[in-house]
Structures are given as structure tokens and as C-alpha cells.
């Protein structure tokens, strides 16, 4: 929604500058002999300015309503990845860990060979502390409780950070899942 507002404000500013420049240009030239022509020229310019504003606003609204691309969804972009076949699970419920909350989901494209035994793991970590939260989003091995994959994450005060990485699929290609885990970093030297 903020993209729509920004685009409309930008279009309004551009239109206003164009109208001001056109009005300033009218003052530098000799006035036409007929006042009707002067009024009609100004009316045409104002109509054109209004048309530009409406067109830019409509384009901004249509642009904002199009589906988001893969980079804004946080999905790692692979070579030849088919966005129509890529599937996401629903987000999990928020789970509390030491000083933060997280949720997760998986993403996969069964037509891609990289997803034969793997899925993309997506995490969102939310900090509820009065200081930055540092830790790691990770996945556990499917068979035993050992670390499989991990990625560091630093979350600012009252902020949310997204993390994604490729991890082993503990399920099947039709029913994938992974074992999520988020931990806070702890210094040993204290």
C-alpha cells in the first residue's frame, strides 16, 4: 500500500512541477491577441496535467497489485526456477525462544532436481527485547538431533528479520518438511 501512496505522491509532484513550468513559460512569451486562446491554452495544459496524474496513479495501483517477485518473497533464486510450480507451506505459529519469537515454512519445486532431497527453509525472527538479538536459524538432521544447516541472524530492537537457506527434506516430494530450530548466540568467555 505504501508503494501506491509513494507513486501517487511522486506523480502529483511531477505534474505540479510541469504545470508551474508551463505557467512560467506563458509569462515569458508575448500574450496572445485573443484572450479566449490564452484561456484555452491554459485549460489544455491543466487537462493534460490532470491526465498525467490520473494515468500515473492508475499505473502505480496496477503495478502494486501484481504478484510479488521471488526476491521480495525471500526465496533463493535458482537457475531455471519455475515460479508457477514453486509451492510454499503455510507459516507456522510464532514460537518463543530466549529473547525472541520465530516462525517458519518451507518452499519447494518438485520439478527441480535440487528439491529431490531438499527444501528451502524460511524463517522470520522477531525481537521483543530492548537490545539487538543475535542467534542462528537452523535445521536439524532428519534422523538424529544434530545440526544440519544454519544461518546467523541479527535482529534489531523490535524488528523482524527473514532468513532462508536450502536444507534436507525430511518428508517426501509431495509432503515435504524439515526440522526447524532457532537459538540465541551465547558468549562462552563471560
Foldseek 3Di string as FASTA:
>chain_A
DVQLVVQLVVLLVVLVVQLVVVVVVCVVDDDDPDVVVVVVVNVVSVVVSVVSSVVSSVVSVVVVPDDDDPVVVVHDDDPPDDPVQKDKDDKDDWDDDVQKTKIKIWIDRLVDPLRQFKIKIKMKIFGADPAKFKWKKFFADLPDRHTWDIDIDIAGHRGIDMDIDITTFNDGSVDTDTGIDIHTDDDPVD
